[in-house]
N, C-alpha and C. Protein backbone atom coordinates (compact mmCIF):
# COMPACT_ATOMS: atom_id res chain seq x y z
N MET A 1 80.63 160.26 166.94
CA MET A 1 81.80 159.41 167.01
C MET A 1 81.55 158.36 168.10
N GLY A 2 81.78 157.11 167.73
CA GLY A 2 81.59 156.02 168.67
C GLY A 2 82.71 155.93 169.69
N PHE A 3 82.50 155.08 170.68
CA PHE A 3 83.47 154.94 171.76
C PHE A 3 84.84 154.49 171.22
N TRP A 4 84.86 153.43 170.39
CA TRP A 4 86.13 152.90 169.91
C TRP A 4 86.82 153.85 168.95
N GLN A 5 86.02 154.62 168.21
CA GLN A 5 86.63 155.63 167.34
C GLN A 5 87.33 156.70 168.17
N ALA A 6 86.71 157.08 169.27
CA ALA A 6 87.31 158.09 170.16
C ALA A 6 88.60 157.55 170.79
N VAL A 7 88.58 156.29 171.19
CA VAL A 7 89.77 155.67 171.78
C VAL A 7 90.90 155.62 170.75
N THR A 8 90.57 155.18 169.55
CA THR A 8 91.57 155.09 168.49
C THR A 8 92.13 156.47 168.14
N ALA A 9 91.27 157.46 168.03
CA ALA A 9 91.71 158.81 167.72
C ALA A 9 92.62 159.36 168.82
N THR A 10 92.29 159.07 170.06
CA THR A 10 93.12 159.52 171.18
C THR A 10 94.49 158.85 171.16
N GLN A 11 94.50 157.55 170.89
CA GLN A 11 95.78 156.84 170.81
C GLN A 11 96.65 157.40 169.69
N TRP A 12 96.05 157.66 168.53
CA TRP A 12 96.81 158.22 167.41
C TRP A 12 97.34 159.60 167.76
N TYR A 13 96.54 160.42 168.44
CA TYR A 13 96.97 161.75 168.83
C TYR A 13 98.19 161.67 169.76
N ILE A 14 98.13 160.79 170.74
CA ILE A 14 99.25 160.65 171.69
C ILE A 14 100.49 160.14 170.97
N LEU A 15 100.33 159.14 170.11
CA LEU A 15 101.47 158.62 169.34
C LEU A 15 102.06 159.72 168.46
N GLY A 16 101.21 160.48 167.79
CA GLY A 16 101.67 161.55 166.93
C GLY A 16 102.42 162.63 167.69
N ARG A 17 101.91 163.01 168.85
CA ARG A 17 102.59 164.03 169.67
C ARG A 17 103.97 163.54 170.12
N LYS A 18 104.08 162.24 170.35
CA LYS A 18 105.35 161.70 170.86
C LYS A 18 106.40 161.54 169.75
N HIS A 19 105.97 161.12 168.56
CA HIS A 19 106.93 160.74 167.53
C HIS A 19 106.99 161.69 166.33
N PHE A 20 105.92 162.39 166.02
CA PHE A 20 105.87 163.14 164.76
C PHE A 20 105.86 164.66 164.98
N THR A 21 106.53 165.13 165.98
CA THR A 21 106.67 166.56 166.22
C THR A 21 108.16 166.89 166.22
N ALA A 22 108.48 168.16 166.34
CA ALA A 22 109.88 168.57 166.37
C ALA A 22 110.62 167.91 167.53
N THR A 23 109.95 167.80 168.67
CA THR A 23 110.58 167.18 169.84
C THR A 23 110.88 165.71 169.59
N GLY A 24 109.93 165.00 168.98
CA GLY A 24 110.15 163.60 168.66
C GLY A 24 111.29 163.41 167.68
N TRP A 25 111.38 164.30 166.69
CA TRP A 25 112.47 164.23 165.72
C TRP A 25 113.81 164.46 166.38
N GLU A 26 113.88 165.44 167.27
CA GLU A 26 115.14 165.72 167.96
C GLU A 26 115.56 164.54 168.82
N ARG A 27 114.62 163.91 169.48
CA ARG A 27 114.92 162.74 170.31
C ARG A 27 115.45 161.60 169.45
N ALA A 28 114.83 161.36 168.30
CA ALA A 28 115.29 160.29 167.42
C ALA A 28 116.65 160.60 166.82
N GLN A 29 116.88 161.87 166.55
CA GLN A 29 118.16 162.29 165.98
C GLN A 29 119.32 162.05 166.94
N ARG A 30 119.06 162.21 168.22
CA ARG A 30 120.11 162.00 169.23
C ARG A 30 120.39 160.52 169.46
N SER A 31 119.47 159.67 169.06
CA SER A 31 119.63 158.24 169.27
C SER A 31 120.77 157.70 168.42
N SER A 32 121.70 157.05 169.02
CA SER A 32 122.86 156.53 168.29
C SER A 32 122.47 155.39 167.36
N ALA A 33 121.40 154.67 167.65
CA ALA A 33 120.98 153.56 166.80
C ALA A 33 120.59 154.06 165.41
N TYR A 34 119.81 155.12 165.35
CA TYR A 34 119.40 155.66 164.05
C TYR A 34 120.59 156.26 163.32
N ARG A 35 121.39 157.01 164.02
CA ARG A 35 122.52 157.70 163.40
C ARG A 35 123.50 156.71 162.80
N SER A 36 123.84 155.65 163.52
CA SER A 36 124.82 154.69 163.00
C SER A 36 124.29 153.97 161.77
N GLN A 37 123.00 153.68 161.73
CA GLN A 37 122.42 153.02 160.56
C GLN A 37 122.46 153.94 159.35
N LEU A 38 122.15 155.20 159.55
CA LEU A 38 122.15 156.14 158.43
C LEU A 38 123.54 156.43 157.93
N GLU A 39 124.49 156.59 158.83
CA GLU A 39 125.86 156.90 158.43
C GLU A 39 126.55 155.71 157.76
N ALA A 40 126.13 154.50 158.08
CA ALA A 40 126.76 153.31 157.53
C ALA A 40 126.17 152.90 156.18
N ALA A 41 125.10 153.56 155.75
CA ALA A 41 124.43 153.18 154.50
C ALA A 41 125.33 153.43 153.30
N ASP A 42 125.53 152.39 152.47
CA ASP A 42 126.30 152.51 151.25
C ASP A 42 125.33 152.47 150.08
N LEU A 43 125.19 153.56 149.36
CA LEU A 43 124.21 153.65 148.29
C LEU A 43 124.85 153.60 146.91
N ALA A 44 126.14 153.36 146.84
CA ALA A 44 126.86 153.33 145.57
C ALA A 44 126.30 152.24 144.67
N GLY A 45 126.10 152.59 143.39
CA GLY A 45 125.63 151.61 142.42
C GLY A 45 124.14 151.39 142.44
N LYS A 46 123.40 152.10 143.27
CA LYS A 46 121.95 151.95 143.34
C LYS A 46 121.28 153.18 142.74
N THR A 47 120.07 153.01 142.23
CA THR A 47 119.33 154.10 141.60
C THR A 47 118.05 154.34 142.39
N TYR A 48 117.74 155.62 142.61
CA TYR A 48 116.57 156.02 143.39
C TYR A 48 115.78 157.07 142.62
N MET A 49 114.46 157.07 142.80
CA MET A 49 113.60 158.11 142.25
C MET A 49 112.97 158.82 143.44
N VAL A 50 113.17 160.14 143.51
CA VAL A 50 112.67 160.94 144.64
C VAL A 50 111.64 161.93 144.11
N THR A 51 110.44 161.86 144.65
CA THR A 51 109.40 162.82 144.26
C THR A 51 109.51 164.06 145.13
N GLY A 52 109.16 165.20 144.57
CA GLY A 52 109.23 166.45 145.31
C GLY A 52 110.65 166.84 145.65
N ALA A 53 111.58 166.54 144.77
CA ALA A 53 113.00 166.72 145.07
C ALA A 53 113.50 168.14 144.86
N ASN A 54 112.62 169.07 144.52
CA ASN A 54 113.08 170.44 144.30
C ASN A 54 113.06 171.28 145.57
N SER A 55 112.48 170.78 146.66
CA SER A 55 112.48 171.53 147.92
C SER A 55 112.13 170.60 149.09
N GLY A 56 112.39 171.08 150.27
CA GLY A 56 111.98 170.39 151.50
C GLY A 56 112.66 169.05 151.72
N ILE A 57 111.88 168.11 152.22
CA ILE A 57 112.40 166.79 152.56
C ILE A 57 112.90 166.06 151.32
N GLY A 58 112.17 166.18 150.21
CA GLY A 58 112.58 165.53 148.98
C GLY A 58 113.96 165.97 148.53
N ARG A 59 114.23 167.26 148.65
CA ARG A 59 115.55 167.79 148.26
C ARG A 59 116.64 167.24 149.16
N GLU A 60 116.39 167.22 150.47
CA GLU A 60 117.39 166.68 151.41
C GLU A 60 117.67 165.21 151.14
N VAL A 61 116.62 164.45 150.84
CA VAL A 61 116.80 163.03 150.55
C VAL A 61 117.63 162.87 149.28
N ALA A 62 117.30 163.63 148.24
CA ALA A 62 118.05 163.54 146.98
C ALA A 62 119.52 163.90 147.18
N GLU A 63 119.79 164.96 147.93
CA GLU A 63 121.17 165.35 148.18
C GLU A 63 121.93 164.30 148.98
N THR A 64 121.27 163.72 149.97
CA THR A 64 121.92 162.69 150.80
C THR A 64 122.25 161.46 149.96
N ILE A 65 121.31 161.03 149.13
CA ILE A 65 121.56 159.87 148.27
C ILE A 65 122.73 160.15 147.33
N ALA A 66 122.73 161.34 146.74
CA ALA A 66 123.79 161.69 145.80
C ALA A 66 125.16 161.74 146.48
N THR A 67 125.23 162.29 147.69
CA THR A 67 126.52 162.37 148.38
C THR A 67 127.03 161.00 148.82
N ARG A 68 126.14 160.03 148.91
CA ARG A 68 126.55 158.68 149.30
C ARG A 68 126.76 157.77 148.10
N GLY A 69 126.80 158.36 146.91
CA GLY A 69 127.15 157.59 145.73
C GLY A 69 126.00 157.02 144.94
N GLY A 70 124.78 157.25 145.33
CA GLY A 70 123.63 156.73 144.61
C GLY A 70 123.24 157.62 143.44
N SER A 71 122.61 157.03 142.45
CA SER A 71 122.07 157.80 141.33
C SER A 71 120.65 158.22 141.68
N VAL A 72 120.30 159.48 141.35
CA VAL A 72 119.01 160.02 141.75
C VAL A 72 118.26 160.54 140.54
N TYR A 73 117.01 160.10 140.37
CA TYR A 73 116.09 160.70 139.43
C TYR A 73 115.17 161.59 140.24
N MET A 74 115.20 162.88 139.93
CA MET A 74 114.40 163.85 140.68
C MET A 74 113.09 164.10 139.93
N VAL A 75 111.97 163.81 140.59
CA VAL A 75 110.65 164.01 140.00
C VAL A 75 110.04 165.24 140.64
N CYS A 76 109.86 166.30 139.83
CA CYS A 76 109.36 167.58 140.34
C CYS A 76 108.25 168.09 139.42
N ARG A 77 107.37 168.91 139.97
CA ARG A 77 106.33 169.51 139.16
C ARG A 77 106.86 170.66 138.30
N ASP A 78 107.85 171.37 138.80
CA ASP A 78 108.37 172.54 138.11
C ASP A 78 109.82 172.29 137.71
N ARG A 79 110.05 172.14 136.41
CA ARG A 79 111.38 171.80 135.90
C ARG A 79 112.42 172.89 136.22
N THR A 80 112.01 174.16 136.23
CA THR A 80 112.96 175.24 136.46
C THR A 80 113.46 175.29 137.90
N ARG A 81 112.68 174.82 138.85
CA ARG A 81 113.09 174.83 140.25
C ARG A 81 114.02 173.68 140.51
């Protein structure tokens, strides 16, 4: 690994630890800027396609869109789930 590759990898690691972990998510969740934008979103009359909507993040996204009035097409590998 070259010098610049090591620097880039280190920067990505630090950024990932700060923003893409449970702690980073909790910090962003407490931020009023993100919360007000999400709560103010009006999805009525819009159509969305969500992949992986039978579990995990995809399911939460599909449920949130549906509760806010949006139409959801759920794309899943297993129809029964």
